[in-house]
Structures are given as C-alpha cells and as structure tokens.
C-alpha cells in the first residue's frame, strides 16, 4: 500500500477523472478542487493523489492551500483505515498541516487518530452532513411564490444573510467585506436565487455554486428565522433544481445538516435522495 502524489491536477485527472465521475456527487469536493487547480495551475497549487494497493485505488485526496483536506473512498472492500493512516503519515513526514478534513466519519477519525500520534494538535467536529442528489423533480405543489435571480440592489440584504448562513450552517464567523465580495460575485454571475412569497417579500435564498461535468451543486441555502417552517427553502430548491435539470444537467446536489431532519424530509419530497454522508473536522492547533 503506497501514497501516490501527482505533480499537478491535470496529471491527476488524466489518471483518475473517470473513477471520480462514477460517483460524481459523492466525490465532488476532490473533483472540484482538481478542476479549479487545473484551470489556474499557477495560482492554485494543490496536493492531489491516491492511496493504492497493488495498483488498485483505495482512496483519493485533495488539499488546496488554506482549505480542508478532502478524502474520497473509491473502494470500501479494502483496508480503509490502513490507507487513511498511511495518508496521515505521509502528510506528517512532509510537514503538511491541513486546515481541516472532509470525509466519512470513520475516515476522519482514522486520520485524526494517526495524525495526532505524530504531532500535538486537536481537531473538532464542525459539521455532519448528508450528501443529497436529485435527478428528477417530483410532481408537487410548492408554497405559493416564485424563484428569481437576485439583483444588484439586493446585495446588502443578501450579504447580511450570507453572514448569518456562515455562522449558523458552517459554525464560523465571516467578516462583512468577505461576505459582500461573495454575494456580489454570485449575483453578478447570475448564480444567486431568491424566493418571493405571495406578498412579493424576499424570504429565502440559495446559490448554484460548484459546476460539475454532469451536474451542479446548490449551496448557501438560507431562510431568516421569521420565515422558517413555511416551505420557502424547499420551494426555492424545487424551482432551482427544475431549471438546471431542464437545461441538461443530469443532477443537482446539495449538502444538508444530518440533524436537520425537517430539511432532509422537505428535500426528499422535492425528489432528492441521500447518497452518502460527509463530516468536517477543523484543526484547532498544531
């Protein structure tokens, strides 16, 4: 069993893109990291590789600067824990400290256990999410209202929601200026959608973020507290998914908090299915 590291994302994708596309929604974090790095190799120099056993790939990993290490398991029939521990040893030996980890629970736990043997550090669980996917929208009647693209003069409201989303959903604070840049970019690129209720009040938002070869990821799903429990987020997701599927995408995907059973059930009514789960752990000190 060995760790194989590639010189760049382009070489990594030549060998591994086909395997990643077999479960595109589940492997999306590694896959999207590789696409970003391949597109801007001088600006985004990441770490990409696999752990193999007699030329048989067990897992894939990516680690972009200032971002989490993402681990995707290709073959569960192999010794996953040994493969993950080997990856942790490789990162320790090469003095690579990840900002955090994305992966299955058992993957994160195995990595953290081995990594902590080589250096004094602590990790904290930040999120536990279901990876959901939709390929056909169910025939339902969403709550009355409409989905539309956000417009530039709504950037202040969207930015405030973006800050709250980061605090509530991602358990981290983000400065207003960073949120403003993100909101403005999404609005200007026609990726940010809002939902208006029957009184034309904007009550929810969501964005189409990661564009994958056969689908699109939806993120920044947020509804202010006073409008929650009324079906607005699910209605917005319904219309956004319907739009992108009609445009030729094979699927839409999103991550949902595992503990938010109301949202999971609401999205299942729309047509989403849970494919897998993913956890995030942050490195607190090293």
Protein backbone atom coordinates (compact mmCIF):
# COMPACT_ATOMS: atom_id res chain seq x y z
CA UNK A 1 0.00 0.00 0.00
CA UNK A 2 1.52 3.34 -1.07
CA UNK A 3 0.67 7.02 -1.38
CA UNK A 4 0.92 8.26 -4.97
CA UNK A 5 1.16 12.04 -5.34
CA UNK A 6 0.83 13.85 -8.66
CA UNK A 7 2.84 16.84 -9.84
CA UNK A 8 -0.33 18.75 -10.74
CA UNK A 9 -4.10 18.49 -11.01
CA UNK A 10 -4.04 17.90 -14.77
CA UNK A 11 -1.95 14.75 -14.40
CA UNK A 12 -4.11 13.60 -11.50
CA UNK A 13 -7.29 13.98 -13.57
CA UNK A 14 -5.82 12.11 -16.55
CA UNK A 15 -5.47 9.02 -14.36
CA UNK A 16 -8.46 9.46 -12.05
CA UNK A 17 -11.23 11.62 -13.51
CA UNK A 18 -13.16 8.64 -14.89
CA UNK A 19 -13.22 6.92 -11.50
CA UNK A 20 -14.33 10.11 -9.72
CA UNK A 21 -17.16 10.63 -12.20
CA UNK A 22 -18.64 7.23 -11.33
CA UNK A 23 -19.99 8.84 -8.12
CA UNK A 24 -19.80 12.46 -9.13
CA UNK A 25 -21.94 13.91 -6.35
CA UNK A 26 -20.08 11.99 -3.63
CA UNK A 27 -16.59 12.72 -4.97
CA UNK A 28 -17.41 16.33 -5.83
CA UNK A 29 -15.09 18.04 -3.35
CA UNK A 30 -11.96 16.28 -4.62
CA UNK A 31 -13.17 16.56 -8.20
CA UNK A 32 -13.91 20.27 -7.99
CA UNK A 33 -10.60 21.02 -6.26
CA UNK A 34 -8.83 19.32 -9.17
CA UNK A 35 -10.80 21.28 -11.78
CA UNK A 36 -10.03 24.59 -10.05
CA UNK A 37 -6.34 23.80 -9.85
CA UNK A 38 -6.17 22.56 -13.44
CA UNK A 39 -7.82 25.76 -14.64
CA UNK A 40 -5.40 28.02 -12.71
CA UNK A 41 -2.30 25.89 -12.08
CA UNK A 42 -0.02 28.82 -11.27
CA UNK A 43 -2.44 30.42 -8.82
CA UNK A 44 -3.90 27.28 -7.21
CA UNK A 45 -1.19 24.72 -6.48
CA UNK A 46 -2.80 21.88 -4.60
CA UNK A 47 -1.88 18.44 -3.34
CA UNK A 48 -3.57 15.63 -5.27
CA UNK A 49 -3.09 11.92 -5.00
CA UNK A 50 -4.34 8.44 -4.26
CA UNK A 51 -3.56 5.59 -1.91
CA UNK A 52 -3.16 2.39 -3.90
CA UNK A 53 -2.73 -1.28 -3.06
CA UNK A 54 -1.08 -3.29 -5.83
CA UNK A 55 -2.20 -0.66 -8.39
CA UNK A 56 -5.75 -0.80 -7.03
CA UNK A 57 -7.00 2.61 -5.92
CA UNK A 58 -8.48 2.75 -2.43
CA UNK A 59 -8.92 6.47 -1.84
CA UNK A 60 -8.42 9.89 -3.41
CA UNK A 61 -7.38 13.11 -1.69
CA UNK A 62 -7.00 16.79 -2.43
CA UNK A 63 -5.68 19.66 -0.35
CA UNK A 64 -5.73 23.19 -1.74
CA UNK A 65 -3.89 26.00 0.04
CA UNK A 66 -5.78 27.29 3.10
CA UNK A 67 -8.55 24.71 2.59
CA UNK A 68 -9.55 21.40 4.08
CA UNK A 69 -8.09 18.07 3.09
CA UNK A 70 -10.83 16.21 1.20
CA UNK A 71 -10.81 12.40 1.18
CA UNK A 72 -12.99 10.28 -1.10
CA UNK A 73 -13.14 6.50 -0.73
CA UNK A 74 -13.28 4.65 -4.04
CA UNK A 75 -13.18 1.06 -2.80
CA UNK A 76 -14.71 0.09 0.54
CA UNK A 77 -13.71 -3.56 0.13
CA UNK A 78 -10.12 -2.71 1.05
CA UNK A 79 -8.49 -1.81 4.37
CA UNK A 80 -9.71 1.77 4.60
CA UNK A 81 -8.23 2.56 8.00
CA UNK A 82 -4.75 1.47 6.96
CA UNK A 83 -4.99 3.57 3.80
CA UNK A 84 -6.09 6.64 5.76
CA UNK A 85 -3.36 6.16 8.37
CA UNK A 86 -0.79 5.93 5.57
CA UNK A 87 -2.04 9.24 4.18
CA UNK A 88 -1.76 10.84 7.64
CA UNK A 89 1.83 9.58 7.95
CA UNK A 90 2.66 11.00 4.52
CA UNK A 91 1.38 14.44 5.49
CA UNK A 92 3.29 14.36 8.78
CA UNK A 93 6.52 13.29 7.09
CA UNK A 94 6.17 16.10 4.55
CA UNK A 95 5.17 18.71 7.15
CA UNK A 96 1.76 19.29 5.58
CA UNK A 97 -0.79 20.55 8.10
CA UNK A 98 -4.36 20.58 6.73
CA UNK A 99 -6.76 23.30 7.85
CA UNK A 100 -9.28 20.54 8.44
CA UNK A 101 -10.73 17.38 6.93
CA UNK A 102 -13.75 16.45 4.85
CA UNK A 103 -14.61 12.76 4.72
CA UNK A 104 -16.69 9.92 6.06
CA UNK A 105 -16.84 9.75 9.86
CA UNK A 106 -14.63 6.67 10.09
CA UNK A 107 -12.18 8.22 7.63
CA UNK A 108 -11.86 11.44 9.64
CA UNK A 109 -11.50 9.53 12.89
CA UNK A 110 -8.75 7.28 11.49
CA UNK A 111 -6.85 10.23 10.03
CA UNK A 112 -7.07 12.29 13.23
CA UNK A 113 -6.00 9.37 15.43
CA UNK A 114 -2.89 8.74 13.32
CA UNK A 115 -2.06 12.40 12.75
CA UNK A 116 -2.16 13.15 16.47
CA UNK A 117 0.43 10.43 17.07
CA UNK A 118 2.96 12.49 15.14
CA UNK A 119 2.28 15.99 16.44
CA UNK A 120 0.50 17.77 19.25
CA UNK A 121 -2.81 19.02 17.90
CA UNK A 122 -6.54 18.92 18.38
CA UNK A 123 -9.39 18.54 15.92
CA UNK A 124 -13.03 19.50 16.46
CA UNK A 125 -16.07 18.28 14.56
CA UNK A 126 -17.75 21.21 12.86
CA UNK A 127 -20.37 19.67 10.60
CA UNK A 128 -22.07 16.37 9.85
CA UNK A 129 -23.95 16.45 6.54
CA UNK A 130 -25.93 14.29 4.17
CA UNK A 131 -24.95 14.42 0.51
CA UNK A 132 -28.23 14.61 -1.41
CA UNK A 133 -28.92 14.37 -5.13
CA UNK A 134 -31.90 14.89 -7.42
CA UNK A 135 -32.26 13.61 -10.98
CA UNK A 136 -35.99 14.09 -11.46
CA UNK A 137 -38.22 16.60 -9.71
CA UNK A 138 -41.34 15.18 -8.08
CA UNK A 139 -44.76 16.44 -9.10
CA UNK A 140 -45.57 18.55 -6.04
CA UNK A 141 -47.20 21.90 -5.33
CA UNK A 142 -44.69 24.20 -3.60
CA UNK A 143 -45.83 27.02 -1.36
CA UNK A 144 -47.15 29.99 -3.35
CA UNK A 145 -44.38 32.29 -4.53
CA UNK A 146 -41.66 32.48 -7.16
CA UNK A 147 -37.95 31.91 -7.62
CA UNK A 148 -35.92 34.57 -9.42
CA UNK A 149 -32.34 35.74 -9.75
CA UNK A 150 -31.18 38.21 -7.12
CA UNK A 151 -30.50 41.70 -8.44
CA UNK A 152 -27.59 44.05 -7.58
CA UNK A 153 -29.61 46.38 -5.33
CA UNK A 154 -30.37 43.40 -3.06
CA UNK A 155 -26.70 42.82 -2.29
CA UNK A 156 -26.90 44.37 1.19
CA UNK A 157 -29.70 42.04 2.31
CA UNK A 158 -28.03 39.03 0.68
CA UNK A 159 -24.73 39.87 2.36
CA UNK A 160 -26.37 40.02 5.78
CA UNK A 161 -27.97 36.63 5.11
CA UNK A 162 -24.59 35.29 3.94
CA UNK A 163 -23.02 36.27 7.25
CA UNK A 164 -25.83 34.55 9.18
CA UNK A 165 -25.55 31.47 6.98
CA UNK A 166 -21.84 31.16 7.76
CA UNK A 167 -22.50 31.49 11.49
CA UNK A 168 -25.45 29.08 11.64
CA UNK A 169 -24.66 26.48 8.99
CA UNK A 170 -20.87 26.50 8.99
CA UNK A 171 -20.31 27.41 12.64
CA UNK A 172 -17.86 30.15 11.79
CA UNK A 173 -17.88 33.89 11.62
CA UNK A 174 -17.10 35.72 8.39
CA UNK A 175 -16.33 39.40 8.08
CA UNK A 176 -18.85 41.56 6.26
CA UNK A 177 -16.44 42.55 3.47
CA UNK A 178 -15.73 38.92 2.56
CA UNK A 179 -19.44 38.15 2.56
CA UNK A 180 -20.04 41.21 0.36
CA UNK A 181 -17.47 40.02 -2.18
CA UNK A 182 -19.04 36.54 -2.28
CA UNK A 183 -22.59 37.89 -2.58
CA UNK A 184 -21.67 40.38 -5.30
CA UNK A 185 -19.87 37.74 -7.33
CA UNK A 186 -22.78 35.29 -7.13
CA UNK A 187 -25.31 37.98 -8.06
CA UNK A 188 -23.22 39.34 -10.94
CA UNK A 189 -22.69 35.82 -12.31
CA UNK A 190 -26.42 35.01 -12.13
CA UNK A 191 -25.89 32.23 -9.60
CA UNK A 192 -27.83 33.60 -6.62
CA UNK A 193 -31.56 32.89 -6.43
CA UNK A 194 -34.14 34.33 -4.04
CA UNK A 195 -37.68 33.25 -3.29
CA UNK A 196 -40.54 35.74 -3.08
CA UNK A 197 -43.67 34.92 -1.14
CA UNK A 198 -47.20 35.80 -2.23
CA UNK A 199 -46.69 39.37 -0.94
CA UNK A 200 -43.50 39.79 -3.04
CA UNK A 201 -41.31 39.70 0.05
CA UNK A 202 -37.91 38.05 -0.41
CA UNK A 203 -37.91 35.24 2.15
CA UNK A 204 -35.17 32.77 1.20
CA UNK A 205 -32.02 32.36 -0.89
CA UNK A 206 -29.85 29.68 -2.48
CA UNK A 207 -26.99 29.66 -4.96
CA UNK A 208 -25.77 27.41 -7.75
CA UNK A 209 -22.09 27.08 -6.90
CA UNK A 210 -19.94 24.13 -7.99
CA UNK A 211 -20.45 23.33 -11.69
CA UNK A 212 -19.59 19.69 -12.27
CA UNK A 213 -19.33 17.86 -15.61
CA UNK A 214 -22.84 16.38 -15.35
CA UNK A 215 -24.50 18.41 -12.62
CA UNK A 216 -24.50 21.40 -10.34
CA UNK A 217 -24.16 21.88 -6.60
CA UNK A 218 -26.56 24.11 -4.69
CA UNK A 219 -25.30 25.94 -1.61
CA UNK A 220 -25.89 28.97 0.61
CA UNK A 221 -29.44 27.79 1.33
CA UNK A 222 -30.73 30.22 3.92
CA UNK A 223 -34.07 31.42 5.25
CA UNK A 224 -34.32 34.07 8.01
CA UNK A 225 -35.75 32.73 11.25
CA UNK A 226 -39.05 34.58 10.93
CA UNK A 227 -39.82 32.81 7.63
CA UNK A 228 -38.76 29.29 8.55
CA UNK A 229 -41.10 26.32 8.64
CA UNK A 230 -43.23 27.65 5.79
CA UNK A 231 -41.70 25.69 2.92
CA UNK A 232 -39.88 28.59 1.27
CA UNK A 233 -36.42 26.99 1.12
CA UNK A 234 -37.83 23.75 -0.31
CA UNK A 235 -39.84 25.70 -2.89
CA UNK A 236 -36.75 27.63 -3.94
CA UNK A 237 -34.73 24.40 -4.22
CA UNK A 238 -37.60 22.84 -6.21
CA UNK A 239 -37.59 25.59 -8.85
CA UNK A 240 -33.79 25.88 -9.00
CA UNK A 241 -33.43 22.11 -9.47
CA UNK A 242 -36.18 22.07 -12.09
CA UNK A 243 -34.40 24.84 -14.02
CA UNK A 244 -30.98 23.22 -14.07
CA UNK A 245 -32.30 19.75 -14.89
CA UNK A 246 -34.32 21.22 -17.76
CA UNK A 247 -31.14 22.87 -19.06
CA UNK A 248 -29.48 19.48 -19.49
CA UNK A 249 -27.81 18.82 -16.16
CA UNK A 250 -28.18 15.20 -15.12
CA UNK A 251 -28.42 16.03 -11.42
CA UNK A 252 -28.36 18.70 -8.74
CA UNK A 253 -26.71 18.08 -5.41
CA UNK A 254 -26.59 19.73 -2.01
CA UNK A 255 -25.26 19.12 1.49
CA UNK A 256 -27.76 19.14 4.36
CA UNK A 257 -27.12 19.06 8.10
CA UNK A 258 -27.76 15.48 9.25
CA UNK A 259 -29.55 16.76 12.35
CA UNK A 260 -31.90 18.98 10.34
CA UNK A 261 -34.44 16.24 9.68
CA UNK A 262 -37.13 18.73 8.60
CA UNK A 263 -34.95 19.98 5.75
CA UNK A 264 -33.92 16.46 4.75
CA UNK A 265 -37.57 15.38 4.55
CA UNK A 266 -38.58 18.54 2.71
CA UNK A 267 -35.93 17.97 0.06
CA UNK A 268 -36.88 14.31 -0.20
CA UNK A 269 -40.43 15.42 -1.07
CA UNK A 270 -38.95 17.54 -3.86
CA UNK A 271 -37.14 14.46 -5.20
CA UNK A 272 -33.73 14.49 -3.52
CA UNK A 273 -32.21 11.28 -2.23
CA UNK A 274 -29.48 10.81 0.37
CA UNK A 275 -26.45 9.25 -1.32
CA UNK A 276 -23.90 9.34 1.47
CA UNK A 277 -22.71 11.48 4.33
CA UNK A 278 -19.69 13.66 4.96
CA UNK A 279 -18.13 15.17 8.06
CA UNK A 280 -15.94 18.19 8.58
CA UNK A 281 -13.31 18.48 11.30
CA UNK A 282 -11.18 21.58 11.85
CA UNK A 283 -7.60 21.59 13.06
CA UNK A 284 -7.59 23.76 16.18
CA UNK A 285 -3.86 23.82 16.86
CA UNK A 286 -0.68 22.26 15.57
